[in-house]
């Protein structure tokens, strides 16, 4: 079987998870970088680093492209520089990671992919504009573009578990206000299914089955860690010392419909709610610790064996 090539514009949390999940015997993975530190990290992960400003068509012909690079005020930096390259590269698949923030505030109503886009904050406006630009490549040049509107991403090293441990978790009470979430492993599932069964021009909401209030998620994380949850804080009080960025996350109250990823891609979520997801985070930590311990034991055994052989010589 011929090796397939995943080419990532940017290697953020989600792209890194996808790259790690692919079979190294079946896939080659490359990604763009802007700093020497990023390049070294990619090499350590077995990913070929390529400078963002120096991607050539010959390197990426026939690749599967994933862009997780956020748009700027002046536009999408990937499309600004590489729209012609993408047209020439005969891509097998293109995925663009967007956000459910493009729906804006629905006052708690559930929205599917056909809902109008009414972003309320500048970063979501820029995402909506970037989506339009990527879809223009599909419409005008028949490129296999897919849009993935991601809910709040969490997973190992990036979850409420970490917030509780470092003392930054707060239980904010804003009745009826819910957030949609998605475990990074389930995003990987969706992207993998789409790469296996492309449907160019399709938009997917990527979230779990249960939008939940923030305070409930914190309470459950505390329960798993066997610690006393922090006292609830009324939203009107909590908002007084929030950063401007944090305030924007509390502007939009919406629930996201994820039917399409199940019906069209046959995805069955590993973590259908935050409960399974947070337990999965702890399980992943335990597995990582066990793997590290096993590696240390194996190294110690090899060293001991080597010393014994030298003594016997």
C-alpha atoms as a PDB file:
ATOM      1  CA  UNK A   1       0.000   0.000   0.000  1.00  0.00           C
ATOM      2  CA  UNK A   2       1.365   3.416  -0.975  1.00  0.00           C
ATOM      3  CA  UNK A   3       2.254   5.775   1.846  1.00  0.00           C
ATOM      4  CA  UNK A   4      -0.129   8.692   2.205  1.00  0.00           C
ATOM      5  CA  UNK A   5       1.009  12.183   3.153  1.00  0.00           C
ATOM      6  CA  UNK A   6      -0.660  14.388   5.780  1.00  0.00           C
ATOM      7  CA  UNK A   7       0.518  17.960   5.436  1.00  0.00           C
ATOM      8  CA  UNK A   8      -0.398  20.290   8.300  1.00  0.00           C
ATOM      9  CA  UNK A   9      -0.360  24.050   8.090  1.00  0.00           C
ATOM     10  CA  UNK A  10       0.460  24.590  11.741  1.00  0.00           C
ATOM     11  CA  UNK A  11       0.824  21.865  14.355  1.00  0.00           C
ATOM     12  CA  UNK A  12      -1.428  22.807  17.243  1.00  0.00           C
ATOM     13  CA  UNK A  13      -2.996  20.557  19.852  1.00  0.00           C
ATOM     14  CA  UNK A  14      -5.482  18.915  17.482  1.00  0.00           C
ATOM     15  CA  UNK A  15      -3.148  18.515  14.514  1.00  0.00           C
ATOM     16  CA  UNK A  16      -0.525  16.973  16.770  1.00  0.00           C
ATOM     17  CA  UNK A  17      -3.078  14.495  18.110  1.00  0.00           C
ATOM     18  CA  UNK A  18      -4.091  13.505  14.581  1.00  0.00           C
ATOM     19  CA  UNK A  19      -0.478  13.058  13.512  1.00  0.00           C
ATOM     20  CA  UNK A  20       0.232  10.878  16.545  1.00  0.00           C
ATOM     21  CA  UNK A  21      -2.797   8.678  15.845  1.00  0.00           C
ATOM     22  CA  UNK A  22      -1.877   7.838  12.241  1.00  0.00           C
ATOM     23  CA  UNK A  23      -0.129   4.574  11.414  1.00  0.00           C
ATOM     24  CA  UNK A  24       3.512   5.529  10.702  1.00  0.00           C
ATOM     25  CA  UNK A  25       3.761   2.616   8.273  1.00  0.00           C
ATOM     26  CA  UNK A  26       0.918   4.044   6.189  1.00  0.00           C
ATOM     27  CA  UNK A  27       1.390   7.792   6.612  1.00  0.00           C
ATOM     28  CA  UNK A  28       4.102  10.393   6.241  1.00  0.00           C
ATOM     29  CA  UNK A  29       3.421  13.587   8.215  1.00  0.00           C
ATOM     30  CA  UNK A  30       4.826  17.029   7.518  1.00  0.00           C
ATOM     31  CA  UNK A  31       3.988  20.358   9.112  1.00  0.00           C
ATOM     32  CA  UNK A  32       4.922  23.992   8.805  1.00  0.00           C
ATOM     33  CA  UNK A  33       6.869  25.815  11.468  1.00  0.00           C
ATOM     34  CA  UNK A  34       7.903  29.397  12.201  1.00  0.00           C
ATOM     35  CA  UNK A  35      10.489  28.932  14.969  1.00  0.00           C
ATOM     36  CA  UNK A  36      13.502  26.696  15.470  1.00  0.00           C
ATOM     37  CA  UNK A  37      11.928  25.347  18.672  1.00  0.00           C
ATOM     38  CA  UNK A  38       8.843  24.225  16.745  1.00  0.00           C
ATOM     39  CA  UNK A  39      11.012  22.483  14.176  1.00  0.00           C
ATOM     40  CA  UNK A  40      12.941  20.592  16.859  1.00  0.00           C
ATOM     41  CA  UNK A  41       9.698  19.506  18.518  1.00  0.00           C
ATOM     42  CA  UNK A  42       8.389  18.184  15.198  1.00  0.00           C
ATOM     43  CA  UNK A  43      11.555  16.196  14.568  1.00  0.00           C
ATOM     44  CA  UNK A  44      11.236  14.604  18.011  1.00  0.00           C
ATOM     45  CA  UNK A  45       7.714  13.519  17.083  1.00  0.00           C
ATOM     46  CA  UNK A  46       8.823  12.033  13.765  1.00  0.00           C
ATOM     47  CA  UNK A  47       7.202  14.852  11.777  1.00  0.00           C
ATOM     48  CA  UNK A  48       9.028  16.510   8.887  1.00  0.00           C
ATOM     49  CA  UNK A  49       9.300  20.261   9.603  1.00  0.00           C
ATOM     50  CA  UNK A  50       8.930  22.674   6.683  1.00  0.00           C
ATOM     51  CA  UNK A  51       9.307  26.474   7.018  1.00  0.00           C
ATOM     52  CA  UNK A  52       5.927  28.161   6.651  1.00  0.00           C
ATOM     53  CA  UNK A  53       7.202  30.515   3.956  1.00  0.00           C
ATOM     54  CA  UNK A  54       8.961  27.820   1.924  1.00  0.00           C
ATOM     55  CA  UNK A  55       6.404  25.182   0.971  1.00  0.00           C
ATOM     56  CA  UNK A  56       6.801  23.945  -2.609  1.00  0.00           C
ATOM     57  CA  UNK A  57       4.224  22.139  -4.720  1.00  0.00           C
ATOM     58  CA  UNK A  58       6.562  19.217  -5.357  1.00  0.00           C
ATOM     59  CA  UNK A  59       6.715  18.487  -1.624  1.00  0.00           C
ATOM     60  CA  UNK A  60       2.944  18.256  -1.210  1.00  0.00           C
ATOM     61  CA  UNK A  61       1.467  16.912  -4.450  1.00  0.00           C
ATOM     62  CA  UNK A  62      -1.395  14.538  -3.708  1.00  0.00           C
ATOM     63  CA  UNK A  63      -1.280  15.234   0.039  1.00  0.00           C
ATOM     64  CA  UNK A  64      -4.052  15.403   2.595  1.00  0.00           C
ATOM     65  CA  UNK A  65      -3.992  18.977   3.882  1.00  0.00           C
ATOM     66  CA  UNK A  66      -5.078  20.153   7.323  1.00  0.00           C
ATOM     67  CA  UNK A  67      -5.053  23.826   8.280  1.00  0.00           C
ATOM     68  CA  UNK A  68      -5.369  24.876  11.899  1.00  0.00           C
ATOM     69  CA  UNK A  69      -3.774  28.298  11.407  1.00  0.00           C
ATOM     70  CA  UNK A  70      -6.069  31.021  12.806  1.00  0.00           C
ATOM     71  CA  UNK A  71      -6.986  33.900  10.493  1.00  0.00           C
ATOM     72  CA  UNK A  72      -5.688  37.394  11.095  1.00  0.00           C
ATOM     73  CA  UNK A  73      -7.444  40.709  10.628  1.00  0.00           C
ATOM     74  CA  UNK A  74      -6.011  40.904   7.115  1.00  0.00           C
ATOM     75  CA  UNK A  75      -7.125  37.386   6.180  1.00  0.00           C
ATOM     76  CA  UNK A  76      -6.136  33.720   6.312  1.00  0.00           C
ATOM     77  CA  UNK A  77      -2.310  33.494   6.136  1.00  0.00           C
ATOM     78  CA  UNK A  78      -2.409  30.050   4.518  1.00  0.00           C
ATOM     79  CA  UNK A  79      -4.730  31.086   1.694  1.00  0.00           C
ATOM     80  CA  UNK A  80      -3.005  34.434   1.274  1.00  0.00           C
ATOM     81  CA  UNK A  81       0.243  32.644   0.482  1.00  0.00           C
ATOM     82  CA  UNK A  82      -0.727  29.217  -0.812  1.00  0.00           C
ATOM     83  CA  UNK A  83      -4.089  29.236  -2.590  1.00  0.00           C
ATOM     84  CA  UNK A  84      -2.368  28.715  -5.956  1.00  0.00           C
ATOM     85  CA  UNK A  85      -0.178  25.939  -4.555  1.00  0.00           C
ATOM     86  CA  UNK A  86      -3.273  24.148  -3.296  1.00  0.00           C
ATOM     87  CA  UNK A  87      -4.816  24.379  -6.751  1.00  0.00           C
ATOM     88  CA  UNK A  88      -1.672  22.891  -8.321  1.00  0.00           C
ATOM     89  CA  UNK A  89      -1.063  20.190  -5.701  1.00  0.00           C
ATOM     90  CA  UNK A  90      -3.988  17.919  -6.661  1.00  0.00           C
ATOM     91  CA  UNK A  91      -4.917  17.419  -2.997  1.00  0.00           C
ATOM     92  CA  UNK A  92      -6.607  14.203  -1.910  1.00  0.00           C
ATOM     93  CA  UNK A  93      -8.423  16.015   0.902  1.00  0.00           C
ATOM     94  CA  UNK A  94      -8.422  19.413   2.594  1.00  0.00           C
ATOM     95  CA  UNK A  95      -9.651  20.045   6.127  1.00  0.00           C
ATOM     96  CA  UNK A  96     -10.038  23.468   7.707  1.00  0.00           C
ATOM     97  CA  UNK A  97     -10.482  23.693  11.488  1.00  0.00           C
ATOM     98  CA  UNK A  98     -12.991  26.386  12.363  1.00  0.00           C
ATOM     99  CA  UNK A  99     -15.134  26.994  15.439  1.00  0.00           C
ATOM    100  CA  UNK A 100     -18.756  26.770  16.534  1.00  0.00           C
ATOM    101  CA  UNK A 101     -18.277  30.404  17.537  1.00  0.00           C
ATOM    102  CA  UNK A 102     -19.369  31.344  14.009  1.00  0.00           C
ATOM    103  CA  UNK A 103     -22.999  30.715  15.084  1.00  0.00           C
ATOM    104  CA  UNK A 104     -22.862  33.448  17.696  1.00  0.00           C
ATOM    105  CA  UNK A 105     -25.461  33.640  20.471  1.00  0.00           C
ATOM    106  CA  UNK A 106     -28.563  31.494  19.956  1.00  0.00           C
ATOM    107  CA  UNK A 107     -29.853  32.090  23.522  1.00  0.00           C
ATOM    108  CA  UNK A 108     -29.462  28.414  24.254  1.00  0.00           C
ATOM    109  CA  UNK A 109     -31.134  27.068  21.121  1.00  0.00           C
ATOM    110  CA  UNK A 110     -29.604  24.105  19.284  1.00  0.00           C
ATOM    111  CA  UNK A 111     -28.083  24.770  15.862  1.00  0.00           C
ATOM    112  CA  UNK A 112     -26.996  22.482  13.045  1.00  0.00           C
ATOM    113  CA  UNK A 113     -24.723  23.175  10.077  1.00  0.00           C
ATOM    114  CA  UNK A 114     -27.505  24.909   8.134  1.00  0.00           C
ATOM    115  CA  UNK A 115     -27.950  27.639  10.774  1.00  0.00           C
ATOM    116  CA  UNK A 116     -27.062  31.215   9.796  1.00  0.00           C
ATOM    117  CA  UNK A 117     -23.677  32.536  10.870  1.00  0.00           C
ATOM    118  CA  UNK A 118     -23.978  35.414  13.339  1.00  0.00           C
ATOM    119  CA  UNK A 119     -20.633  35.719  15.109  1.00  0.00           C
ATOM    120  CA  UNK A 120     -20.499  38.209  17.964  1.00  0.00           C
ATOM    121  CA  UNK A 121     -16.738  38.568  18.524  1.00  0.00           C
ATOM    122  CA  UNK A 122     -13.989  39.574  16.062  1.00  0.00           C
ATOM    123  CA  UNK A 123     -12.125  36.256  16.147  1.00  0.00           C
ATOM    124  CA  UNK A 124     -15.320  34.406  15.181  1.00  0.00           C
ATOM    125  CA  UNK A 125     -16.035  36.897  12.399  1.00  0.00           C
ATOM    126  CA  UNK A 126     -12.577  36.180  11.038  1.00  0.00           C
ATOM    127  CA  UNK A 127     -13.275  32.430  11.187  1.00  0.00           C
ATOM    128  CA  UNK A 128     -16.525  32.882   9.264  1.00  0.00           C
ATOM    129  CA  UNK A 129     -14.714  34.911   6.604  1.00  0.00           C
ATOM    130  CA  UNK A 130     -11.962  32.276   6.406  1.00  0.00           C
ATOM    131  CA  UNK A 131     -14.567  29.539   5.956  1.00  0.00           C
ATOM    132  CA  UNK A 132     -15.992  31.456   3.007  1.00  0.00           C
ATOM    133  CA  UNK A 133     -12.532  31.798   1.479  1.00  0.00           C
ATOM    134  CA  UNK A 134     -11.784  28.083   1.839  1.00  0.00           C
ATOM    135  CA  UNK A 135     -15.149  27.137   0.378  1.00  0.00           C
ATOM    136  CA  UNK A 136     -14.446  29.427  -2.577  1.00  0.00           C
ATOM    137  CA  UNK A 137     -11.565  27.096  -3.450  1.00  0.00           C
ATOM    138  CA  UNK A 138     -14.031  24.240  -3.504  1.00  0.00           C
ATOM    139  CA  UNK A 139     -16.628  26.092  -5.547  1.00  0.00           C
ATOM    140  CA  UNK A 140     -14.312  27.738  -8.070  1.00  0.00           C
ATOM    141  CA  UNK A 141     -11.619  25.061  -8.421  1.00  0.00           C
ATOM    142  CA  UNK A 142     -13.360  21.872  -7.240  1.00  0.00           C
ATOM    143  CA  UNK A 143     -10.852  21.332  -4.445  1.00  0.00           C
ATOM    144  CA  UNK A 144     -11.886  18.761  -1.804  1.00  0.00           C
ATOM    145  CA  UNK A 145     -12.428  21.246   1.043  1.00  0.00           C
ATOM    146  CA  UNK A 146     -14.137  20.223   4.306  1.00  0.00           C
ATOM    147  CA  UNK A 147     -14.925  22.575   7.203  1.00  0.00           C
ATOM    148  CA  UNK A 148     -14.887  21.347  10.804  1.00  0.00           C
ATOM    149  CA  UNK A 149     -16.575  23.619  13.333  1.00  0.00           C
ATOM    150  CA  UNK A 150     -15.058  22.598  16.637  1.00  0.00           C
ATOM    151  CA  UNK A 151     -16.614  23.119  20.056  1.00  0.00           C
ATOM    152  CA  UNK A 152     -14.430  23.705  23.119  1.00  0.00           C
ATOM    153  CA  UNK A 153     -11.470  21.328  22.831  1.00  0.00           C
ATOM    154  CA  UNK A 154     -10.107  19.415  25.802  1.00  0.00           C
ATOM    155  CA  UNK A 155      -7.949  16.366  26.426  1.00  0.00           C
ATOM    156  CA  UNK A 156      -4.773  15.276  28.233  1.00  0.00           C
ATOM    157  CA  UNK A 157      -2.867  18.300  29.489  1.00  0.00           C
ATOM    158  CA  UNK A 158      -5.678  20.628  28.511  1.00  0.00           C
ATOM    159  CA  UNK A 159      -8.792  20.079  30.612  1.00  0.00           C
ATOM    160  CA  UNK A 160     -10.681  21.052  33.737  1.00  0.00           C
ATOM    161  CA  UNK A 161      -8.623  18.379  35.522  1.00  0.00           C
ATOM    162  CA  UNK A 162      -5.558  20.586  35.044  1.00  0.00           C
ATOM    163  CA  UNK A 163      -7.449  23.702  36.176  1.00  0.00           C
ATOM    164  CA  UNK A 164      -8.512  22.008  39.403  1.00  0.00           C
ATOM    165  CA  UNK A 165      -4.983  20.816  40.095  1.00  0.00           C
ATOM    166  CA  UNK A 166      -3.380  24.210  39.533  1.00  0.00           C
ATOM    167  CA  UNK A 167      -6.017  26.022  41.577  1.00  0.00           C
ATOM    168  CA  UNK A 168      -7.484  28.108  38.759  1.00  0.00           C
ATOM    169  CA  UNK A 169     -10.831  26.312  38.476  1.00  0.00           C
ATOM    170  CA  UNK A 170     -13.888  28.331  39.474  1.00  0.00           C
ATOM    171  CA  UNK A 171     -17.504  27.187  39.644  1.00  0.00           C
ATOM    172  CA  UNK A 172     -19.352  30.027  37.943  1.00  0.00           C
ATOM    173  CA  UNK A 173     -23.109  30.020  38.279  1.00  0.00           C
ATOM    174  CA  UNK A 174     -24.974  31.327  35.246  1.00  0.00           C
ATOM    175  CA  UNK A 175     -28.234  29.346  35.149  1.00  0.00           C
ATOM    176  CA  UNK A 176     -29.176  27.916  31.759  1.00  0.00           C
ATOM    177  CA  UNK A 177     -25.850  28.865  30.169  1.00  0.00           C
ATOM    178  CA  UNK A 178     -24.189  25.791  28.639  1.00  0.00           C
ATOM    179  CA  UNK A 179     -20.990  25.124  26.710  1.00  0.00           C
ATOM    180  CA  UNK A 180     -20.484  22.437  24.066  1.00  0.00           C
ATOM    181  CA  UNK A 181     -17.215  20.505  24.242  1.00  0.00           C
ATOM    182  CA  UNK A 182     -15.281  17.843  22.366  1.00  0.00           C
ATOM    183  CA  UNK A 183     -12.447  15.546  23.448  1.00  0.00           C
ATOM    184  CA  UNK A 184      -9.457  15.786  21.133  1.00  0.00           C
ATOM    185  CA  UNK A 185      -9.539  12.018  20.477  1.00  0.00           C
ATOM    186  CA  UNK A 186     -13.034  12.370  19.067  1.00  0.00           C
ATOM    187  CA  UNK A 187     -11.918  15.206  16.786  1.00  0.00           C
ATOM    188  CA  UNK A 188      -9.249  12.815  15.527  1.00  0.00           C
ATOM    189  CA  UNK A 189     -11.955  10.218  14.899  1.00  0.00           C
ATOM    190  CA  UNK A 190     -13.953  12.694  12.819  1.00  0.00           C
ATOM    191  CA  UNK A 191     -10.966  13.875  10.774  1.00  0.00           C
ATOM    192  CA  UNK A 192      -9.809  10.310  10.129  1.00  0.00           C
ATOM    193  CA  UNK A 193     -13.303   9.274   9.007  1.00  0.00           C
ATOM    194  CA  UNK A 194     -13.507  12.250   6.671  1.00  0.00           C
ATOM    195  CA  UNK A 195     -10.114  11.494   5.142  1.00  0.00           C
ATOM    196  CA  UNK A 196     -11.245   7.931   4.513  1.00  0.00           C
ATOM    197  CA  UNK A 197     -14.601   9.043   3.070  1.00  0.00           C
ATOM    198  CA  UNK A 198     -14.219  12.544   1.603  1.00  0.00           C
ATOM    199  CA  UNK A 199     -17.334  14.559   0.803  1.00  0.00           C
ATOM    200  CA  UNK A 200     -15.993  17.834  -0.599  1.00  0.00           C
ATOM    201  CA  UNK A 201     -17.887  20.981   0.277  1.00  0.00           C
ATOM    202  CA  UNK A 202     -19.280  19.551   3.528  1.00  0.00           C
ATOM    203  CA  UNK A 203     -19.337  21.335   6.887  1.00  0.00           C
ATOM    204  CA  UNK A 204     -19.318  19.336  10.126  1.00  0.00           C
ATOM    205  CA  UNK A 205     -20.167  20.372  13.663  1.00  0.00           C
ATOM    206  CA  UNK A 206     -17.763  18.553  15.970  1.00  0.00           C
ATOM    207  CA  UNK A 207     -18.967  18.336  19.565  1.00  0.00           C
ATOM    208  CA  UNK A 208     -20.117  15.750  22.068  1.00  0.00           C
ATOM    209  CA  UNK A 209     -23.692  14.858  22.984  1.00  0.00           C
ATOM    210  CA  UNK A 210     -24.202  17.068  26.020  1.00  0.00           C
ATOM    211  CA  UNK A 211     -23.720  20.802  26.330  1.00  0.00           C
ATOM    212  CA  UNK A 212     -23.144  21.423  30.038  1.00  0.00           C
ATOM    213  CA  UNK A 213     -22.863  24.223  32.554  1.00  0.00           C
ATOM    214  CA  UNK A 214     -19.302  25.110  33.476  1.00  0.00           C
ATOM    215  CA  UNK A 215     -19.873  24.632  37.191  1.00  0.00           C
ATOM    216  CA  UNK A 216     -21.046  21.047  36.672  1.00  0.00           C
ATOM    217  CA  UNK A 217     -17.884  20.142  34.785  1.00  0.00           C
ATOM    218  CA  UNK A 218     -15.700  21.588  37.543  1.00  0.00           C
ATOM    219  CA  UNK A 219     -17.696  19.702  40.184  1.00  0.00           C
ATOM    220  CA  UNK A 220     -17.225  16.424  38.336  1.00  0.00           C
ATOM    221  CA  UNK A 221     -13.483  16.993  37.898  1.00  0.00           C
ATOM    222  CA  UNK A 222     -13.220  17.616  41.653  1.00  0.00           C
ATOM    223  CA  UNK A 223     -15.160  14.416  42.304  1.00  0.00           C
ATOM    224  CA  UNK A 224     -12.717  12.421  40.154  1.00  0.00           C
ATOM    225  CA  UNK A 225      -9.741  13.966  41.923  1.00  0.00           C
ATOM    226  CA  UNK A 226     -11.375  13.484  45.328  1.00  0.00           C
ATOM    227  CA  UNK A 227     -11.034  17.140  46.304  1.00  0.00           C
ATOM    228  CA  UNK A 228     -13.565  19.612  47.655  1.00  0.00           C
ATOM    229  CA  UNK A 229     -15.028  21.716  44.841  1.00  0.00           C
ATOM    230  CA  UNK A 230     -14.664  25.496  45.089  1.00  0.00           C
ATOM    231  CA  UNK A 231     -17.687  27.477  46.171  1.00  0.00           C
ATOM    232  CA  UNK A 232     -20.052  28.643  43.459  1.00  0.00           C
ATOM    233  CA  UNK A 233     -19.619  32.231  42.304  1.00  0.00           C
ATOM    234  CA  UNK A 234     -22.538  34.140  40.723  1.00  0.00           C
ATOM    235  CA  UNK A 235     -21.654  35.167  37.183  1.00  0.00           C
ATOM    236  CA  UNK A 236     -22.230  38.864  37.906  1.00  0.00           C
ATOM    237  CA  UNK A 237     -19.540  38.659  40.559  1.00  0.00           C
ATOM    238  CA  UNK A 238     -17.145  36.424  38.613  1.00  0.00           C
ATOM    239  CA  UNK A 239     -17.200  38.627  35.519  1.00  0.00           C
ATOM    240  CA  UNK A 240     -15.717  41.576  37.419  1.00  0.00           C
ATOM    241  CA  UNK A 241     -12.202  40.134  37.367  1.00  0.00           C
ATOM    242  CA  UNK A 242     -12.356  38.210  34.087  1.00  0.00           C
ATOM    243  CA  UNK A 243      -9.975  39.081  31.273  1.00  0.00           C
ATOM    244  CA  UNK A 244     -11.515  40.570  28.153  1.00  0.00           C
ATOM    245  CA  UNK A 245     -10.856  37.288  26.350  1.00  0.00           C
ATOM    246  CA  UNK A 246     -12.560  35.241  29.080  1.00  0.00           C
ATOM    247  CA  UNK A 247     -15.614  37.492  28.951  1.00  0.00           C
ATOM    248  CA  UNK A 248     -16.117  36.739  25.270  1.00  0.00           C
ATOM    249  CA  UNK A 249     -16.559  33.027  26.017  1.00  0.00           C
ATOM    250  CA  UNK A 250     -19.533  33.908  28.208  1.00  0.00           C
ATOM    251  CA  UNK A 251     -21.235  36.042  25.548  1.00  0.00           C
ATOM    252  CA  UNK A 252     -22.708  33.252  23.447  1.00  0.00           C
ATOM    253  CA  UNK A 253     -25.110  30.653  24.814  1.00  0.00           C
ATOM    254  CA  UNK A 254     -25.700  27.930  22.241  1.00  0.00           C
ATOM    255  CA  UNK A 255     -26.092  24.194  21.907  1.00  0.00           C
ATOM    256  CA  UNK A 256     -24.634  22.370  18.924  1.00  0.00           C
ATOM    257  CA  UNK A 257     -26.195  19.520  16.950  1.00  0.00           C
ATOM    258  CA  UNK A 258     -23.680  16.787  16.050  1.00  0.00           C
ATOM    259  CA  UNK A 259     -25.972  14.521  14.028  1.00  0.00           C
ATOM    260  CA  UNK A 260     -24.026  14.874  10.786  1.00  0.00           C
ATOM    261  CA  UNK A 261     -20.768  13.379  12.041  1.00  0.00           C
ATOM    262  CA  UNK A 262     -22.732  10.337  13.199  1.00  0.00           C
ATOM    263  CA  UNK A 263     -24.944   9.905  10.158  1.00  0.00           C
ATOM    264  CA  UNK A 264     -22.507  10.861   7.396  1.00  0.00           C
ATOM    265  CA  UNK A 265     -19.218   9.638   8.866  1.00  0.00           C
ATOM    266  CA  UNK A 266     -20.506   6.803  11.085  1.00  0.00           C
ATOM    267  CA  UNK A 267     -18.587   8.254  14.035  1.00  0.00           C
ATOM    268  CA  UNK A 268     -19.367   6.812  17.448  1.00  0.00           C
ATOM    269  CA  UNK A 269     -17.966   9.097  20.076  1.00  0.00           C
ATOM    270  CA  UNK A 270     -15.491   7.618  22.522  1.00  0.00           C
ATOM    271  CA  UNK A 271     -16.438  10.348  24.976  1.00  0.00           C
ATOM    272  CA  UNK A 272     -20.110  11.282  24.465  1.00  0.00           C
ATOM    273  CA  UNK A 273     -20.136  13.609  27.488  1.00  0.00           C
ATOM    274  CA  UNK A 274     -17.621  15.437  29.656  1.00  0.00           C
ATOM    275  CA  UNK A 275     -17.925  12.668  32.260  1.00  0.00           C
ATOM    276  CA  UNK A 276     -16.454   9.967  30.033  1.00  0.00           C
ATOM    277  CA  UNK A 277     -14.021  12.528  28.658  1.00  0.00           C
ATOM    278  CA  UNK A 278     -12.576  13.579  32.013  1.00  0.00           C
ATOM    279  CA  UNK A 279     -12.287   9.949  33.091  1.00  0.00           C
ATOM    280  CA  UNK A 280     -10.465   9.364  29.805  1.00  0.00           C
ATOM    281  CA  UNK A 281      -8.040  12.171  30.617  1.00  0.00           C
ATOM    282  CA  UNK A 282      -7.136  10.492  33.902  1.00  0.00           C
ATOM    283  CA  UNK A 283      -6.844   7.096  32.194  1.00  0.00           C
ATOM    284  CA  UNK A 284      -4.473   8.590  29.606  1.00  0.00           C
ATOM    285  CA  UNK A 285      -2.345  10.056  32.391  1.00  0.00           C
ATOM    286  CA  UNK A 286      -2.167   6.675  34.124  1.00  0.00           C
ATOM    287  CA  UNK A 287      -1.187   4.941  30.904  1.00  0.00           C
ATOM    288  CA  UNK A 288       1.507   7.542  30.224  1.00  0.00           C
ATOM    289  CA  UNK A 289       2.896   7.129  33.741  1.00  0.00           C
ATOM    290  CA  UNK A 290       2.928   3.346  33.398  1.00  0.00           C
ATOM    291  CA  UNK A 291       4.666   3.588  30.037  1.00  0.00           C
ATOM    292  CA  UNK A 292       7.307   5.904  31.514  1.00  0.00           C
ATOM    293  CA  UNK A 293       7.823   3.558  34.458  1.00  0.00           C
ATOM    294  CA  UNK A 294       8.111   0.547  32.153  1.00  0.00           C
ATOM    295  CA  UNK A 295      10.682   2.391  30.028  1.00  0.00           C
ATOM    296  CA  UNK A 296      12.679   3.362  33.112  1.00  0.00           C
ATOM    297  CA  UNK A 297      12.572  -0.216  34.406  1.00  0.00           C
ATOM    298  CA  UNK A 298      13.682  -1.588  31.042  1.00  0.00           C
ATOM    299  CA  UNK A 299      16.576   0.888  30.927  1.00  0.00           C
ATOM    300  CA  UNK A 300      17.588   0.017  34.475  1.00  0.00           C
ATOM    301  CA  UNK A 301      17.509  -3.679  33.619  1.00  0.00           C
ATOM    302  CA  UNK A 302      19.712  -3.126  30.553  1.00  0.00           C
ATOM    303  CA  UNK A 303      22.207  -1.112  32.585  1.00  0.00           C
ATOM    304  CA  UNK A 304      22.302  -3.773  35.312  1.00  0.00           C
ATOM    305  CA  UNK A 305      22.797  -6.512  32.736  1.00  0.00           C
ATOM    306  CA  UNK A 306      25.605  -4.554  31.110  1.00  0.00           C
ATOM    307  CA  UNK A 307      27.359  -4.080  34.446  1.00  0.00           C
ATOM    308  CA  UNK A 308      27.000  -7.761  35.254  1.00  0.00           C
ATOM    309  CA  UNK A 309      28.478  -8.746  31.892  1.00  0.00           C
ATOM    310  CA  UNK A 310      31.465  -6.432  32.465  1.00  0.00           C
ATOM    311  CA  UNK A 311      32.022  -7.927  35.922  1.00  0.00           C
ATOM    312  CA  UNK A 312      31.909 -11.455  34.485  1.00  0.00           C
ATOM    313  CA  UNK A 313      34.311 -10.633  31.682  1.00  0.00           C
END
